[in-house]
Amino acid sequence: ASLAVRKLKELGTKKAPFFLGVGFFKPHLPFNAPRKYWDLYEESKLPITASRDLPEGVNAASFHNSGEFNSYRLGDEKPSLADPVSDAYARKLIHAYYASVSYVDAQIGKVLDALESNGLSENTIVIVWGDHGWHLGDHRVWGKHTLSDVALRSPLIIRMPGMKNPGRVIEKVVSSVDVYPALMDLCNVDIPYATDGQSFAGLFFGKKGFNRPAVSY
């Protein structure tokens, strides 16, 4: 975040179009963050998933024994499909995940503040997205690598200058490969070659026609 802030200060003096990609590692494992982000939450009151067991009619091979999670030796308990963690440890892990999310949220805030302070926010498209979701004990899994919607869903938040209805939720299935053509479309830049993605820019303006299938090959 600090590097991005310095770079935005530099870009703000050039008065030229720019693209800046900023990657944050959190909330990836291991779950750790400065204490003040832990202090935002009261662990005993954090909810545990309502989907604590394996779903009926689904082969156990669709899930896994949280191998990536268990590779960290300091874990107090080792979850598996046969032996889920205790409620107390589940809350401890969820607490850690929430703290990690709040920590990275603060870093994104630093970057947005830098856009504002350098006079760039009114002419910059901001896209925040993640590469996957994460099971927090859902179906006894702590991790990703499943076909469950918990693992497949990822954050996608877009802010554009002059948005008429900010904060609106669009209930459409899109893919990460659609972000690039959508960004080019919003910037009125032609793509001179074919891409696997489809622009969903029209969704922001009430246009119809974007209908990506949930699964494509």
C-alpha atoms as a PDB file:
ATOM      1  CA  ALA A   1       0.000   0.000   0.000  1.00  0.00           C
ATOM      2  CA  SER A   2       2.823   2.391   0.840  1.00  0.00           C
ATOM      3  CA  LEU A   3       4.483   1.685  -2.509  1.00  0.00           C
ATOM      4  CA  ALA A   4       1.192   2.323  -4.320  1.00  0.00           C
ATOM      5  CA  VAL A   5       0.760   5.626  -2.445  1.00  0.00           C
ATOM      6  CA  ARG A   6       4.219   6.762  -3.542  1.00  0.00           C
ATOM      7  CA  LYS A   7       3.558   5.677  -7.109  1.00  0.00           C
ATOM      8  CA  LEU A   8       0.232   7.544  -7.244  1.00  0.00           C
ATOM      9  CA  LYS A   9       1.956  10.707  -6.078  1.00  0.00           C
ATOM     10  CA  GLU A  10       4.390  10.302  -8.969  1.00  0.00           C
ATOM     11  CA  LEU A  11       1.663   9.490 -11.509  1.00  0.00           C
ATOM     12  CA  GLY A  12      -0.389  12.460 -10.374  1.00  0.00           C
ATOM     13  CA  THR A  13       2.314  14.847 -11.598  1.00  0.00           C
ATOM     14  CA  LYS A  14       2.465  13.378 -15.111  1.00  0.00           C
ATOM     15  CA  LYS A  15      -1.108  14.172 -16.229  1.00  0.00           C
ATOM     16  CA  ALA A  16      -1.176  11.111 -18.481  1.00  0.00           C
ATOM     17  CA  PRO A  17      -3.348   7.964 -18.550  1.00  0.00           C
ATOM     18  CA  PHE A  18      -2.025   5.161 -16.359  1.00  0.00           C
ATOM     19  CA  PHE A  19      -2.793   1.656 -15.173  1.00  0.00           C
ATOM     20  CA  LEU A  20      -1.682   0.600 -11.710  1.00  0.00           C
ATOM     21  CA  GLY A  21      -2.067  -2.957 -10.465  1.00  0.00           C
ATOM     22  CA  VAL A  22      -1.791  -3.324  -6.691  1.00  0.00           C
ATOM     23  CA  GLY A  23      -1.739  -6.826  -5.209  1.00  0.00           C
ATOM     24  CA  PHE A  24      -2.390  -7.672  -1.562  1.00  0.00           C
ATOM     25  CA  PHE A  25      -1.541 -11.081  -0.106  1.00  0.00           C
ATOM     26  CA  LYS A  26      -4.075 -11.032   2.694  1.00  0.00           C
ATOM     27  CA  PRO A  27      -6.416 -12.564   3.731  1.00  0.00           C
ATOM     28  CA  HIS A  28      -4.421 -15.544   2.471  1.00  0.00           C
ATOM     29  CA  LEU A  29      -2.977 -18.043   4.945  1.00  0.00           C
ATOM     30  CA  PRO A  30      -1.400 -17.720   7.439  1.00  0.00           C
ATOM     31  CA  PHE A  31      -4.073 -15.669   9.169  1.00  0.00           C
ATOM     32  CA  ASN A  32      -2.259 -12.876  10.935  1.00  0.00           C
ATOM     33  CA  ALA A  33      -2.702  -9.132  11.217  1.00  0.00           C
ATOM     34  CA  PRO A  34      -1.806  -6.305  13.608  1.00  0.00           C
ATOM     35  CA  ARG A  35      -3.581  -6.513  16.969  1.00  0.00           C
ATOM     36  CA  LYS A  36      -5.843  -3.512  16.373  1.00  0.00           C
ATOM     37  CA  TYR A  37      -7.676  -5.438  13.642  1.00  0.00           C
ATOM     38  CA  TRP A  38      -8.240  -8.388  15.983  1.00  0.00           C
ATOM     39  CA  ASP A  39      -9.632  -5.965  18.536  1.00  0.00           C
ATOM     40  CA  LEU A  40     -12.424  -4.993  16.131  1.00  0.00           C
ATOM     41  CA  TYR A  41     -14.208  -8.283  16.858  1.00  0.00           C
ATOM     42  CA  GLU A  42     -15.442 -10.126  19.917  1.00  0.00           C
ATOM     43  CA  GLU A  43     -14.532 -13.716  19.247  1.00  0.00           C
ATOM     44  CA  SER A  44     -17.227 -15.328  21.399  1.00  0.00           C
ATOM     45  CA  LYS A  45     -19.963 -13.610  19.375  1.00  0.00           C
ATOM     46  CA  LEU A  46     -18.712 -14.539  15.904  1.00  0.00           C
ATOM     47  CA  PRO A  47     -21.121 -16.814  14.001  1.00  0.00           C
ATOM     48  CA  ILE A  48     -20.125 -20.300  12.885  1.00  0.00           C
ATOM     49  CA  THR A  49     -21.208 -21.566   9.475  1.00  0.00           C
ATOM     50  CA  ALA A  50     -24.665 -23.113   9.280  1.00  0.00           C
ATOM     51  CA  SER A  51     -23.302 -25.619   6.708  1.00  0.00           C
ATOM     52  CA  ARG A  52     -21.142 -27.549   9.132  1.00  0.00           C
ATOM     53  CA  ASP A  53     -21.639 -31.039   7.705  1.00  0.00           C
ATOM     54  CA  LEU A  54     -21.141 -32.666   4.335  1.00  0.00           C
ATOM     55  CA  PRO A  55     -24.160 -32.059   2.084  1.00  0.00           C
ATOM     56  CA  GLU A  56     -26.410 -34.999   1.347  1.00  0.00           C
ATOM     57  CA  GLY A  57     -26.023 -36.695  -2.021  1.00  0.00           C
ATOM     58  CA  VAL A  58     -22.572 -35.228  -2.701  1.00  0.00           C
ATOM     59  CA  ASN A  59     -19.522 -37.456  -2.998  1.00  0.00           C
ATOM     60  CA  ALA A  60     -16.867 -36.675  -0.406  1.00  0.00           C
ATOM     61  CA  ALA A  61     -14.316 -36.479  -3.242  1.00  0.00           C
ATOM     62  CA  SER A  62     -15.853 -33.098  -4.065  1.00  0.00           C
ATOM     63  CA  PHE A  63     -14.241 -31.758  -0.900  1.00  0.00           C
ATOM     64  CA  HIS A  64     -10.872 -32.243   0.817  1.00  0.00           C
ATOM     65  CA  ASN A  65      -9.163 -32.525   4.179  1.00  0.00           C
ATOM     66  CA  SER A  66      -7.855 -28.935   4.315  1.00  0.00           C
ATOM     67  CA  GLY A  67      -4.309 -29.949   3.419  1.00  0.00           C
ATOM     68  CA  GLU A  68      -3.062 -26.407   2.793  1.00  0.00           C
ATOM     69  CA  PHE A  69      -4.438 -25.246   6.125  1.00  0.00           C
ATOM     70  CA  ASN A  70      -2.958 -28.222   7.965  1.00  0.00           C
ATOM     71  CA  SER A  71       0.482 -27.601   6.478  1.00  0.00           C
ATOM     72  CA  TYR A  72       0.934 -24.824   9.029  1.00  0.00           C
ATOM     73  CA  ARG A  73       2.384 -26.608  12.050  1.00  0.00           C
ATOM     74  CA  LEU A  74       1.206 -24.115  14.680  1.00  0.00           C
ATOM     75  CA  GLY A  75      -2.464 -25.001  14.238  1.00  0.00           C
ATOM     76  CA  ASP A  76      -4.136 -26.102  17.474  1.00  0.00           C
ATOM     77  CA  GLU A  77      -6.408 -28.571  15.677  1.00  0.00           C
ATOM     78  CA  LYS A  78      -6.169 -30.398  12.343  1.00  0.00           C
ATOM     79  CA  PRO A  79      -9.536 -30.388  10.558  1.00  0.00           C
ATOM     80  CA  SER A  80     -10.623 -33.172   8.222  1.00  0.00           C
ATOM     81  CA  LEU A  81     -13.862 -34.356   6.665  1.00  0.00           C
ATOM     82  CA  ALA A  82     -14.051 -37.053   9.333  1.00  0.00           C
ATOM     83  CA  ASP A  83     -13.021 -34.851  12.246  1.00  0.00           C
ATOM     84  CA  PRO A  84     -14.160 -31.191  12.130  1.00  0.00           C
ATOM     85  CA  VAL A  85     -12.680 -28.608  14.483  1.00  0.00           C
ATOM     86  CA  SER A  86     -14.332 -27.624  17.749  1.00  0.00           C
ATOM     87  CA  ASP A  87     -16.665 -24.639  17.885  1.00  0.00           C
ATOM     88  CA  ALA A  88     -14.180 -22.699  20.000  1.00  0.00           C
ATOM     89  CA  TYR A  89     -11.361 -23.227  17.499  1.00  0.00           C
ATOM     90  CA  ALA A  90     -13.670 -22.442  14.578  1.00  0.00           C
ATOM     91  CA  ARG A  91     -14.404 -19.064  16.175  1.00  0.00           C
ATOM     92  CA  LYS A  92     -10.690 -18.474  16.704  1.00  0.00           C
ATOM     93  CA  LEU A  93     -10.003 -19.133  13.024  1.00  0.00           C
ATOM     94  CA  ILE A  94     -12.922 -16.996  11.859  1.00  0.00           C
ATOM     95  CA  HIS A  95     -11.690 -14.231  14.143  1.00  0.00           C
ATOM     96  CA  ALA A  96      -8.256 -14.462  12.511  1.00  0.00           C
ATOM     97  CA  TYR A  97      -9.765 -14.390   9.022  1.00  0.00           C
ATOM     98  CA  TYR A  98     -11.910 -11.347   9.835  1.00  0.00           C
ATOM     99  CA  ALA A  99      -8.864  -9.541  11.249  1.00  0.00           C
ATOM    100  CA  SER A 100      -6.917 -10.293   8.062  1.00  0.00           C
ATOM    101  CA  VAL A 101      -9.760  -8.973   5.906  1.00  0.00           C
ATOM    102  CA  SER A 102     -10.038  -5.788   7.965  1.00  0.00           C
ATOM    103  CA  TYR A 103      -6.279  -5.315   7.709  1.00  0.00           C
ATOM    104  CA  VAL A 104      -6.261  -5.480   3.910  1.00  0.00           C
ATOM    105  CA  ASP A 105      -9.395  -3.323   3.805  1.00  0.00           C
ATOM    106  CA  ALA A 106      -7.410  -0.617   5.589  1.00  0.00           C
ATOM    107  CA  GLN A 107      -4.616  -0.936   3.026  1.00  0.00           C
ATOM    108  CA  ILE A 108      -7.093  -0.480   0.175  1.00  0.00           C
ATOM    109  CA  GLY A 109      -8.348   2.594   2.021  1.00  0.00           C
ATOM    110  CA  LYS A 110      -4.826   4.053   1.981  1.00  0.00           C
ATOM    111  CA  VAL A 111      -4.683   3.668  -1.792  1.00  0.00           C
ATOM    112  CA  LEU A 112      -8.119   5.259  -2.259  1.00  0.00           C
ATOM    113  CA  ASP A 113      -7.100   8.156  -0.009  1.00  0.00           C
ATOM    114  CA  ALA A 114      -3.994   8.650  -2.147  1.00  0.00           C
ATOM    115  CA  LEU A 115      -6.139   8.808  -5.283  1.00  0.00           C
ATOM    116  CA  GLU A 116      -8.170  11.535  -3.621  1.00  0.00           C
ATOM    117  CA  SER A 117      -5.260  13.548  -2.259  1.00  0.00           C
ATOM    118  CA  ASN A 118      -3.481  13.521  -5.639  1.00  0.00           C
ATOM    119  CA  GLY A 119      -6.547  14.708  -7.537  1.00  0.00           C
ATOM    120  CA  LEU A 120      -6.984  11.428  -9.398  1.00  0.00           C
ATOM    121  CA  SER A 121     -10.197   9.985  -7.962  1.00  0.00           C
ATOM    122  CA  GLU A 122     -12.559  11.816 -10.322  1.00  0.00           C
ATOM    123  CA  ASN A 123     -10.907  10.390 -13.408  1.00  0.00           C
ATOM    124  CA  THR A 124      -9.887   6.887 -12.353  1.00  0.00           C
ATOM    125  CA  ILE A 125     -11.716   3.575 -12.524  1.00  0.00           C
ATOM    126  CA  VAL A 126     -11.079   1.446  -9.449  1.00  0.00           C
ATOM    127  CA  ILE A 127     -11.566  -2.320  -9.496  1.00  0.00           C
ATOM    128  CA  VAL A 128     -11.203  -4.445  -6.380  1.00  0.00           C
ATOM    129  CA  TRP A 129     -11.388  -8.188  -6.857  1.00  0.00           C
ATOM    130  CA  GLY A 130     -10.095 -11.447  -5.432  1.00  0.00           C
ATOM    131  CA  ASP A 131      -9.146 -14.680  -7.145  1.00  0.00           C
ATOM    132  CA  HIS A 132     -11.359 -17.079  -5.160  1.00  0.00           C
ATOM    133  CA  GLY A 133     -13.498 -17.565  -2.087  1.00  0.00           C
ATOM    134  CA  TRP A 134     -12.722 -19.591   1.018  1.00  0.00           C
ATOM    135  CA  HIS A 135     -14.446 -22.174   3.171  1.00  0.00           C
ATOM    136  CA  LEU A 136     -14.582 -21.133   6.825  1.00  0.00           C
ATOM    137  CA  GLY A 137     -15.551 -24.570   8.041  1.00  0.00           C
ATOM    138  CA  ASP A 138     -18.308 -24.832   5.444  1.00  0.00           C
ATOM    139  CA  HIS A 139     -18.811 -28.554   4.724  1.00  0.00           C
ATOM    140  CA  ARG A 140     -15.919 -29.236   7.144  1.00  0.00           C
ATOM    141  CA  VAL A 141     -13.399 -27.551   4.836  1.00  0.00           C
ATOM    142  CA  TRP A 142     -10.966 -24.759   5.700  1.00  0.00           C
ATOM    143  CA  GLY A 143      -9.640 -23.627   2.337  1.00  0.00           C
ATOM    144  CA  LYS A 144     -10.450 -23.332  -1.341  1.00  0.00           C
ATOM    145  CA  HIS A 145     -10.038 -25.916  -4.141  1.00  0.00           C
ATOM    146  CA  THR A 146     -13.664 -27.078  -4.266  1.00  0.00           C
ATOM    147  CA  LEU A 147     -16.536 -26.549  -6.676  1.00  0.00           C
ATOM    148  CA  SER A 148     -18.701 -25.148  -3.900  1.00  0.00           C
ATOM    149  CA  ASP A 149     -19.992 -21.618  -4.392  1.00  0.00           C
ATOM    150  CA  VAL A 150     -18.180 -20.677  -1.177  1.00  0.00           C
ATOM    151  CA  ALA A 151     -14.848 -21.319  -2.927  1.00  0.00           C
ATOM    152  CA  LEU A 152     -15.825 -20.085  -6.400  1.00  0.00           C
ATOM    153  CA  ARG A 153     -17.334 -16.731  -5.477  1.00  0.00           C
ATOM    154  CA  SER A 154     -14.892 -13.855  -5.235  1.00  0.00           C
ATOM    155  CA  PRO A 155     -15.174 -10.138  -4.492  1.00  0.00           C
ATOM    156  CA  LEU A 156     -15.690  -7.801  -7.443  1.00  0.00           C
ATOM    157  CA  ILE A 157     -16.248  -4.127  -6.678  1.00  0.00           C
ATOM    158  CA  ILE A 158     -16.010  -1.439  -9.359  1.00  0.00           C
ATOM    159  CA  ARG A 159     -16.089   2.318  -8.905  1.00  0.00           C
ATOM    160  CA  MET A 160     -16.239   4.655 -11.880  1.00  0.00           C
ATOM    161  CA  PRO A 161     -16.336   8.430 -12.168  1.00  0.00           C
ATOM    162  CA  GLY A 162     -19.882   9.737 -12.546  1.00  0.00           C
ATOM    163  CA  MET A 163     -21.685   6.602 -11.404  1.00  0.00           C
ATOM    164  CA  LYS A 164     -25.398   7.373 -11.121  1.00  0.00           C
ATOM    165  CA  ASN A 165     -26.270   4.501  -8.779  1.00  0.00           C
ATOM    166  CA  PRO A 166     -23.224   3.737  -6.610  1.00  0.00           C
ATOM    167  CA  GLY A 167     -23.516   0.799  -4.258  1.00  0.00           C
ATOM    168  CA  ARG A 168     -25.783  -1.155  -6.584  1.00  0.00           C
ATOM    169  CA  VAL A 169     -25.493  -4.960  -6.611  1.00  0.00           C
ATOM    170  CA  ILE A 170     -25.687  -6.584 -10.051  1.00  0.00           C
ATOM    171  CA  GLU A 171     -26.861 -10.196  -9.921  1.00  0.00           C
ATOM    172  CA  LYS A 172     -24.988 -11.559 -12.928  1.00  0.00           C
ATOM    173  CA  VAL A 173     -22.391 -14.301 -13.233  1.00  0.00           C
ATOM    174  CA  VAL A 174     -19.117 -12.888 -14.527  1.00  0.00           C
ATOM    175  CA  SER A 175     -15.605 -14.295 -14.644  1.00  0.00           C
ATOM    176  CA  SER A 176     -12.200 -12.827 -13.857  1.00  0.00           C
ATOM    177  CA  VAL A 177     -11.333 -13.031 -17.562  1.00  0.00           C
ATOM    178  CA  ASP A 178     -14.142 -10.539 -18.179  1.00  0.00           C
ATOM    179  CA  VAL A 179     -12.464  -7.794 -16.152  1.00  0.00           C
ATOM    180  CA  TYR A 180      -9.915  -6.857 -18.825  1.00  0.00           C
ATOM    181  CA  PRO A 181     -12.354  -6.419 -21.738  1.00  0.00           C
ATOM    182  CA  ALA A 182     -14.764  -4.559 -19.441  1.00  0.00           C
ATOM    183  CA  LEU A 183     -12.007  -2.181 -18.360  1.00  0.00           C
ATOM    184  CA  MET A 184     -10.959  -1.558 -21.957  1.00  0.00           C
ATOM    185  CA  ASP A 185     -14.590  -0.949 -22.871  1.00  0.00           C
ATOM    186  CA  LEU A 186     -15.054   1.555 -20.056  1.00  0.00           C
ATOM    187  CA  CYS A 187     -11.913   3.378 -21.191  1.00  0.00           C
ATOM    188  CA  ASN A 188     -13.105   3.409 -24.831  1.00  0.00           C
ATOM    189  CA  VAL A 189     -10.025   1.497 -25.951  1.00  0.00           C
ATOM    190  CA  ASP A 190     -10.383  -1.059 -28.745  1.00  0.00           C
ATOM    191  CA  ILE A 191      -8.975  -4.567 -28.286  1.00  0.00           C
ATOM    192  CA  PRO A 192      -7.423  -5.566 -31.639  1.00  0.00           C
ATOM    193  CA  TYR A 193      -7.516  -9.300 -30.919  1.00  0.00           C
ATOM    194  CA  ALA A 194      -9.928 -11.906 -29.598  1.00  0.00           C
ATOM    195  CA  THR A 195     -10.104 -12.611 -25.862  1.00  0.00           C
ATOM    196  CA  ASP A 196     -11.735 -15.334 -23.797  1.00  0.00           C
ATOM    197  CA  GLY A 197     -13.443 -12.679 -21.708  1.00  0.00           C
ATOM    198  CA  GLN A 198     -16.566 -10.669 -22.450  1.00  0.00           C
ATOM    199  CA  SER A 199     -17.084  -7.043 -21.507  1.00  0.00           C
ATOM    200  CA  PHE A 200     -19.765  -6.565 -18.873  1.00  0.00           C
ATOM    201  CA  ALA A 201     -19.474  -2.764 -19.017  1.00  0.00           C
ATOM    202  CA  GLY A 202     -23.008  -2.445 -20.378  1.00  0.00           C
ATOM    203  CA  LEU A 203     -24.416  -3.787 -17.107  1.00  0.00           C
ATOM    204  CA  PHE A 204     -23.501  -0.520 -15.417  1.00  0.00           C
ATOM    205  CA  PHE A 205     -25.713   1.381 -17.822  1.00  0.00           C
ATOM    206  CA  GLY A 206     -28.734  -0.900 -17.733  1.00  0.00           C
ATOM    207  CA  LYS A 207     -27.969  -2.588 -21.035  1.00  0.00           C
ATOM    208  CA  LYS A 208     -28.952  -6.207 -21.597  1.00  0.00           C
ATOM    209  CA  GLY A 209     -27.207  -8.882 -23.585  1.00  0.00           C
ATOM    210  CA  PHE A 210     -24.456 -10.032 -21.246  1.00  0.00           C
ATOM    211  CA  ASN A 211     -25.167 -13.626 -20.289  1.00  0.00           C
ATOM    212  CA  ARG A 212     -22.062 -15.602 -19.420  1.00  0.00           C
ATOM    213  CA  PRO A 213     -22.925 -19.241 -18.646  1.00  0.00           C
ATOM    214  CA  ALA A 214     -22.008 -20.377 -15.132  1.00  0.00           C
ATOM    215  CA  VAL A 215     -19.643 -22.957 -16.627  1.00  0.00           C
ATOM    216  CA  SER A 216     -17.816 -22.509 -19.941  1.00  0.00           C
ATOM    217  CA  TYR A 217     -15.334 -24.697 -21.752  1.00  0.00           C
END
